[in-house]
C-alpha atoms as a PDB file:
ATOM      1  CA  MET A   1     -16.853 -11.731   5.466  1.00  0.00           C
ATOM      2  CA  SER A   2     -15.981  -9.264   3.308  1.00  0.00           C
ATOM      3  CA  LYS A   3     -16.851  -5.409   3.171  1.00  0.00           C
ATOM      4  CA  SER A   4     -19.792  -3.583   1.379  1.00  0.00           C
ATOM      5  CA  VAL A   5     -19.104  -1.394  -0.944  1.00  0.00           C
ATOM      6  CA  LYS A   6     -20.055   1.797   0.838  1.00  0.00           C
ATOM      7  CA  ASP A   7     -17.606   0.232   3.705  1.00  0.00           C
ATOM      8  CA  ILE A   8     -14.827   0.102   1.000  1.00  0.00           C
ATOM      9  CA  LEU A   9     -15.521   3.753  -0.140  1.00  0.00           C
ATOM     10  CA  ILE A  10     -15.153   5.740   3.425  1.00  0.00           C
ATOM     11  CA  GLU A  11     -12.092   3.361   3.673  1.00  0.00           C
ATOM     12  CA  MET A  12     -10.571   4.351   0.138  1.00  0.00           C
ATOM     13  CA  LYS A  13     -11.451   7.982   1.021  1.00  0.00           C
ATOM     14  CA  ASN A  14      -9.971   8.275   4.415  1.00  0.00           C
ATOM     15  CA  ILE A  15      -6.948   6.646   3.295  1.00  0.00           C
ATOM     16  CA  SER A  16      -6.564   8.366  -0.016  1.00  0.00           C
ATOM     17  CA  GLU A  17      -7.156  11.787   2.481  1.00  0.00           C
ATOM     18  CA  LEU A  18      -4.130  10.698   4.554  1.00  0.00           C
ATOM     19  CA  MET A  19      -1.819   9.725   1.799  1.00  0.00           C
ATOM     20  CA  VAL A  20      -1.845  13.239   0.814  1.00  0.00           C
ATOM     21  CA  ASP A  21      -0.941  14.815   3.846  1.00  0.00           C
ATOM     22  CA  LEU A  22       1.510  12.105   5.161  1.00  0.00           C
ATOM     23  CA  ALA A  23       3.039  12.377   1.166  1.00  0.00           C
ATOM     24  CA  TYR A  24       2.953  16.676   2.004  1.00  0.00           C
ATOM     25  CA  SER A  25       4.594  15.878   5.403  1.00  0.00           C
ATOM     26  CA  ALA A  26       7.058  13.638   4.072  1.00  0.00           C
ATOM     27  CA  LEU A  27       8.598  16.520   1.566  1.00  0.00           C
ATOM     28  CA  LEU A  28       8.139  19.091   4.063  1.00  0.00           C
ATOM     29  CA  PHE A  29      10.442  16.998   6.608  1.00  0.00           C
ATOM     30  CA  ASN A  30      12.065  15.447   4.442  1.00  0.00           C
ATOM     31  CA  SER A  31      11.232  11.916   5.956  1.00  0.00           C
ATOM     32  CA  LYS A  32      11.702   8.800   3.854  1.00  0.00           C
ATOM     33  CA  ASP A  33       9.782   6.587   6.534  1.00  0.00           C
ATOM     34  CA  ALA A  34       6.577   8.734   5.831  1.00  0.00           C
ATOM     35  CA  ALA A  35       7.248   8.637   1.772  1.00  0.00           C
ATOM     36  CA  GLU A  36       7.465   4.706   2.404  1.00  0.00           C
ATOM     37  CA  GLU A  37       4.362   4.536   4.270  1.00  0.00           C
ATOM     38  CA  VAL A  38       2.145   6.084   1.726  1.00  0.00           C
ATOM     39  CA  LYS A  39       3.684   3.410  -0.907  1.00  0.00           C
ATOM     40  CA  LYS A  40       2.031   0.902   1.410  1.00  0.00           C
ATOM     41  CA  LEU A  41      -1.022   2.510   1.695  1.00  0.00           C
ATOM     42  CA  GLU A  42      -1.214   3.137  -2.534  1.00  0.00           C
ATOM     43  CA  ASN A  43      -1.265  -0.751  -2.519  1.00  0.00           C
ATOM     44  CA  LYS A  44      -4.136  -0.765   0.066  1.00  0.00           C
ATOM     45  CA  VAL A  45      -5.986   1.613  -1.853  1.00  0.00           C
ATOM     46  CA  ASN A  46      -5.209  -0.173  -5.227  1.00  0.00           C
ATOM     47  CA  ARG A  47      -6.531  -3.459  -3.793  1.00  0.00           C
ATOM     48  CA  LEU A  48      -9.623  -1.950  -2.116  1.00  0.00           C
ATOM     49  CA  ASN A  49     -10.275  -0.489  -6.004  1.00  0.00           C
ATOM     50  CA  TYR A  50     -10.409  -3.999  -7.002  1.00  0.00           C
ATOM     51  CA  GLU A  51     -11.978  -5.192  -4.177  1.00  0.00           C
ATOM     52  CA  ILE A  52     -15.215  -2.610  -5.620  1.00  0.00           C
ATOM     53  CA  LYS A  53     -14.718  -3.685  -8.934  1.00  0.00           C
ATOM     54  CA  LYS A  54     -15.729  -7.703  -8.142  1.00  0.00           C
ATOM     55  CA  GLN A  55     -18.249  -6.663  -5.947  1.00  0.00           C
ATOM     56  CA  SER A  56     -19.478  -4.028  -8.372  1.00  0.00           C
ATOM     57  CA  LEU A  57     -19.288  -6.767 -10.742  1.00  0.00           C
ATOM     58  CA  LEU A  58     -21.125  -9.473  -8.592  1.00  0.00           C
ATOM     59  CA  ALA A  59     -23.668  -7.091  -7.941  1.00  0.00           C
ATOM     60  CA  ALA A  60     -25.188  -6.370 -11.563  1.00  0.00           C
ATOM     61  CA  ARG A  61     -27.922  -7.370 -12.117  1.00  0.00           C
ATOM     62  CA  SER A  62     -29.515  -5.751 -15.066  1.00  0.00           C
ATOM     63  CA  VAL A  63     -28.097  -2.525 -17.478  1.00  0.00           C
ATOM     64  CA  GLU A  64     -30.288  -0.365 -14.688  1.00  0.00           C
ATOM     65  CA  ASP A  65     -27.896  -2.015 -12.216  1.00  0.00           C
ATOM     66  CA  ALA A  66     -24.722  -1.656 -14.081  1.00  0.00           C
ATOM     67  CA  GLU A  67     -26.046   2.518 -14.733  1.00  0.00           C
ATOM     68  CA  LYS A  68     -25.617   2.892 -11.066  1.00  0.00           C
ATOM     69  CA  LEU A  69     -22.496   1.060  -9.947  1.00  0.00           C
ATOM     70  CA  THR A  70     -21.223   2.939 -12.971  1.00  0.00           C
ATOM     71  CA  ALA A  71     -20.581   5.780 -10.191  1.00  0.00           C
ATOM     72  CA  LEU A  72     -19.993   4.170  -7.462  1.00  0.00           C
ATOM     73  CA  LEU A  73     -16.965   3.098 -10.106  1.00  0.00           C
ATOM     74  CA  GLU A  74     -15.444   6.097 -10.680  1.00  0.00           C
ATOM     75  CA  VAL A  75     -15.377   7.142  -7.126  1.00  0.00           C
ATOM     76  CA  GLY A  76     -13.117   4.435  -6.336  1.00  0.00           C
ATOM     77  CA  GLU A  77     -10.665   5.365  -9.729  1.00  0.00           C
ATOM     78  CA  ALA A  78     -10.673   8.806  -8.374  1.00  0.00           C
ATOM     79  CA  ALA A  79     -10.293   7.927  -5.473  1.00  0.00           C
ATOM     80  CA  GLU A  80      -6.951   5.079  -6.078  1.00  0.00           C
ATOM     81  CA  THR A  81      -5.986   8.080  -8.304  1.00  0.00           C
ATOM     82  CA  ILE A  82      -5.910  10.627  -5.687  1.00  0.00           C
ATOM     83  CA  GLY A  83      -3.213   7.902  -4.106  1.00  0.00           C
ATOM     84  CA  ASN A  84      -1.413   6.977  -6.725  1.00  0.00           C
ATOM     85  CA  SER A  85      -0.897  11.304  -6.843  1.00  0.00           C
ATOM     86  CA  ALA A  86       0.650  10.950  -3.191  1.00  0.00           C
ATOM     87  CA  LYS A  87       2.528   8.771  -4.113  1.00  0.00           C
ATOM     88  CA  ASP A  88       4.041   9.741  -6.625  1.00  0.00           C
ATOM     89  CA  ILE A  89       4.904  13.265  -4.133  1.00  0.00           C
ATOM     90  CA  ALA A  90       6.282  10.219  -1.793  1.00  0.00           C
ATOM     91  CA  ASP A  91       8.686   9.083  -4.564  1.00  0.00           C
ATOM     92  CA  LEU A  92      10.946  13.023  -4.491  1.00  0.00           C
ATOM     93  CA  VAL A  93      11.318  11.929  -1.347  1.00  0.00           C
ATOM     94  CA  ILE A  94      12.473   8.049  -1.816  1.00  0.00           C
ATOM     95  CA  LYS A  95      14.988   9.534  -4.558  1.00  0.00           C
ATOM     96  CA  GLY A  96      16.350  12.078  -2.441  1.00  0.00           C
ATOM     97  CA  ILE A  97      14.812  14.879  -4.813  1.00  0.00           C
ATOM     98  CA  LYS A  98      14.454  18.449  -1.884  1.00  0.00           C
ATOM     99  CA  PRO A  99      11.736  20.314  -2.579  1.00  0.00           C
ATOM    100  CA  HIS A 100      11.726  23.758  -3.927  1.00  0.00           C
ATOM    101  CA  PRO A 101      12.097  27.010  -1.492  1.00  0.00           C
ATOM    102  CA  VAL A 102       8.361  27.847  -3.070  1.00  0.00           C
ATOM    103  CA  PHE A 103       6.912  24.852  -1.592  1.00  0.00           C
ATOM    104  CA  LYS A 104       7.791  25.116   2.189  1.00  0.00           C
ATOM    105  CA  MET A 105       6.847  28.425   1.576  1.00  0.00           C
ATOM    106  CA  VAL A 106       3.244  27.611   0.312  1.00  0.00           C
ATOM    107  CA  MET A 107       3.301  25.043   3.081  1.00  0.00           C
ATOM    108  CA  GLU A 108       3.903  27.919   5.115  1.00  0.00           C
ATOM    109  CA  GLU A 109       1.062  30.166   4.190  1.00  0.00           C
ATOM    110  CA  SER A 110      -1.718  27.543   3.697  1.00  0.00           C
ATOM    111  CA  GLU A 111      -4.569  27.685   5.043  1.00  0.00           C
ATOM    112  CA  GLU A 112      -3.800  24.516   6.920  1.00  0.00           C
ATOM    113  CA  ILE A 113      -0.404  23.684   8.537  1.00  0.00           C
ATOM    114  CA  ILE A 114       1.159  20.263   8.672  1.00  0.00           C
ATOM    115  CA  THR A 115       3.362  19.964  11.426  1.00  0.00           C
ATOM    116  CA  ARG A 116       6.003  17.381  13.563  1.00  0.00           C
ATOM    117  CA  VAL A 117       6.399  16.809  17.104  1.00  0.00           C
ATOM    118  CA  THR A 118       7.881  14.695  19.549  1.00  0.00           C
ATOM    119  CA  ILE A 119       6.528  13.736  22.481  1.00  0.00           C
ATOM    120  CA  GLN A 120       9.309  14.882  25.678  1.00  0.00           C
ATOM    121  CA  LYS A 121       9.145  12.685  28.976  1.00  0.00           C
ATOM    122  CA  GLY A 122       6.908  14.899  31.527  1.00  0.00           C
ATOM    123  CA  SER A 123       4.871  16.057  29.008  1.00  0.00           C
ATOM    124  CA  GLU A 124       1.172  15.487  30.311  1.00  0.00           C
ATOM    125  CA  ILE A 125      -0.014  14.201  26.698  1.00  0.00           C
ATOM    126  CA  ALA A 126       2.531  11.763  27.512  1.00  0.00           C
ATOM    127  CA  LEU A 127      -0.170   8.325  28.019  1.00  0.00           C
ATOM    128  CA  LYS A 128      -3.195   9.880  27.775  1.00  0.00           C
ATOM    129  CA  SER A 129      -5.524   9.172  25.062  1.00  0.00           C
ATOM    130  CA  LEU A 130      -6.864  11.478  21.840  1.00  0.00           C
ATOM    131  CA  GLY A 131      -9.918  11.238  22.975  1.00  0.00           C
ATOM    132  CA  ASP A 132      -9.102  12.651  26.565  1.00  0.00           C
ATOM    133  CA  LEU A 133      -6.873  15.134  25.364  1.00  0.00           C
ATOM    134  CA  LEU A 134      -9.121  16.581  22.961  1.00  0.00           C
ATOM    135  CA  LEU A 135      -6.180  17.975  21.340  1.00  0.00           C
ATOM    136  CA  ALA A 136      -8.183  18.894  18.370  1.00  0.00           C
ATOM    137  CA  THR A 137     -10.648  21.051  19.963  1.00  0.00           C
ATOM    138  CA  ARG A 138      -7.668  22.890  22.304  1.00  0.00           C
ATOM    139  CA  THR A 139      -5.501  23.577  20.083  1.00  0.00           C
ATOM    140  CA  GLY A 140      -6.659  22.748  16.574  1.00  0.00           C
ATOM    141  CA  MET A 141      -4.601  20.859  15.648  1.00  0.00           C
ATOM    142  CA  ARG A 142      -5.607  16.746  14.739  1.00  0.00           C
ATOM    143  CA  VAL A 143      -3.243  14.258  14.949  1.00  0.00           C
ATOM    144  CA  ILE A 144      -3.534  12.333  11.071  1.00  0.00           C
ATOM    145  CA  ALA A 145      -0.483  10.083  12.002  1.00  0.00           C
ATOM    146  CA  ILE A 146       2.020   8.779  15.157  1.00  0.00           C
ATOM    147  CA  ARG A 147       6.220   7.096  14.641  1.00  0.00           C
ATOM    148  CA  ARG A 148       6.203   5.229  17.109  1.00  0.00           C
ATOM    149  CA  ASN A 149       9.709   3.419  17.414  1.00  0.00           C
ATOM    150  CA  GLU A 150      10.181   1.964  14.409  1.00  0.00           C
ATOM    151  CA  SER A 151       5.858   2.071  13.661  1.00  0.00           C
ATOM    152  CA  TRP A 152       3.251   3.914  12.131  1.00  0.00           C
ATOM    153  CA  ILE A 153      -0.441   4.521  13.739  1.00  0.00           C
ATOM    154  CA  TYR A 154      -1.964   6.475  10.833  1.00  0.00           C
ATOM    155  CA  GLY A 155      -5.214   7.693  11.222  1.00  0.00           C
ATOM    156  CA  PRO A 156      -5.635   7.641  14.936  1.00  0.00           C
ATOM    157  CA  ASP A 157      -8.918   7.803  16.569  1.00  0.00           C
ATOM    158  CA  ARG A 158     -10.125   9.225  20.107  1.00  0.00           C
ATOM    159  CA  ASN A 159      -8.890   6.267  21.700  1.00  0.00           C
ATOM    160  CA  THR A 160      -4.647   6.210  20.297  1.00  0.00           C
ATOM    161  CA  ILE A 161      -2.861   6.894  23.943  1.00  0.00           C
ATOM    162  CA  LEU A 162       0.162   9.105  23.403  1.00  0.00           C
ATOM    163  CA  SER A 163       3.338   7.608  24.500  1.00  0.00           C
ATOM    164  CA  GLU A 164       6.622   9.971  25.398  1.00  0.00           C
ATOM    165  CA  ASP A 165       9.291   9.837  22.702  1.00  0.00           C
ATOM    166  CA  ASP A 166       6.043   9.650  19.742  1.00  0.00           C
ATOM    167  CA  THR A 167       6.624  11.523  17.219  1.00  0.00           C
ATOM    168  CA  LEU A 168       3.009  13.140  15.601  1.00  0.00           C
ATOM    169  CA  ILE A 169       2.768  14.357  12.379  1.00  0.00           C
ATOM    170  CA  ALA A 170      -0.432  17.087  12.793  1.00  0.00           C
ATOM    171  CA  LYS A 171      -2.628  18.886  11.088  1.00  0.00           C
ATOM    172  CA  GLY A 172      -4.147  22.780  11.859  1.00  0.00           C
ATOM    173  CA  ASN A 173      -3.001  26.483  12.576  1.00  0.00           C
ATOM    174  CA  GLU A 174      -0.416  28.131  13.034  1.00  0.00           C
ATOM    175  CA  ALA A 175      -1.127  29.011  16.842  1.00  0.00           C
ATOM    176  CA  GLY A 176      -2.608  25.698  17.228  1.00  0.00           C
ATOM    177  CA  SER A 177       0.690  23.951  15.896  1.00  0.00           C
ATOM    178  CA  GLU A 178       2.830  26.179  18.845  1.00  0.00           C
ATOM    179  CA  LEU A 179       0.404  25.279  21.526  1.00  0.00           C
ATOM    180  CA  LEU A 180       0.705  21.729  20.670  1.00  0.00           C
ATOM    181  CA  ASN A 181       4.669  22.133  20.375  1.00  0.00           C
ATOM    182  CA  LYS A 182       4.681  23.428  23.963  1.00  0.00           C
ATOM    183  CA  LEU A 183       2.399  20.853  25.118  1.00  0.00           C
ATOM    184  CA  ALA A 184       4.868  18.285  23.933  1.00  0.00           C
ATOM    185  CA  ASN A 185       7.945  20.231  25.323  1.00  0.00           C
ATOM    186  CA  ASN A 186       6.689  20.227  28.632  1.00  0.00           C
ATOM    187  CA  GLU A 187       6.257  24.071  28.317  1.00  0.00           C
ATOM    188  CA  MET A 188       2.975  24.256  28.659  1.00  0.00           C
ATOM    189  CA  THR A 189      -0.079  22.483  30.324  1.00  0.00           C
ATOM    190  CA  LEU A 190      -3.023  21.462  29.590  1.00  0.00           C
ATOM    191  CA  ASP A 191      -4.911  23.739  32.366  1.00  0.00           C
ATOM    192  CA  GLU A 192      -2.825  26.681  30.376  1.00  0.00           C
ATOM    193  CA  LEU A 193      -5.123  26.240  27.340  1.00  0.00           C
END
């Protein structure tokens, strides 16, 4: 069963947003794995945009229908353009181009920062779901991706259970980043938040 255009647009929006965050984190942390993941996601966004075009062509029965669908097609194109731009950033990492020091300064001074932490053995956040932990509420950090062994979990939801040795890519503020680091490194408990 094929997805509705609405569902495809929602998926494209979520993926393109994630791609931007992953691309910046790939560049910030010089992570070729994250950069490769951005490239895979770009292929998915391209396929989804093709699906929107196909479904729109099948749905248009009149000039009025076609005009209404044009706006949806433009949103799909914009999401694909965002994904392509994120891939361009990721390509810098894959090509081995190091970011200019100004990039790191810009990332550090932006309102939202991206941080990477690895959950250490004995950490209280291991073996709990993101929903149970309420990390976004407690620390102000939203987990956008998890590196587990050789694979990635991107766009984790409240049911995603964290494990020891997971590397989290999270987005939020500097104070939240410090709290998340302490939790992951077993330097603080949830009760101390």
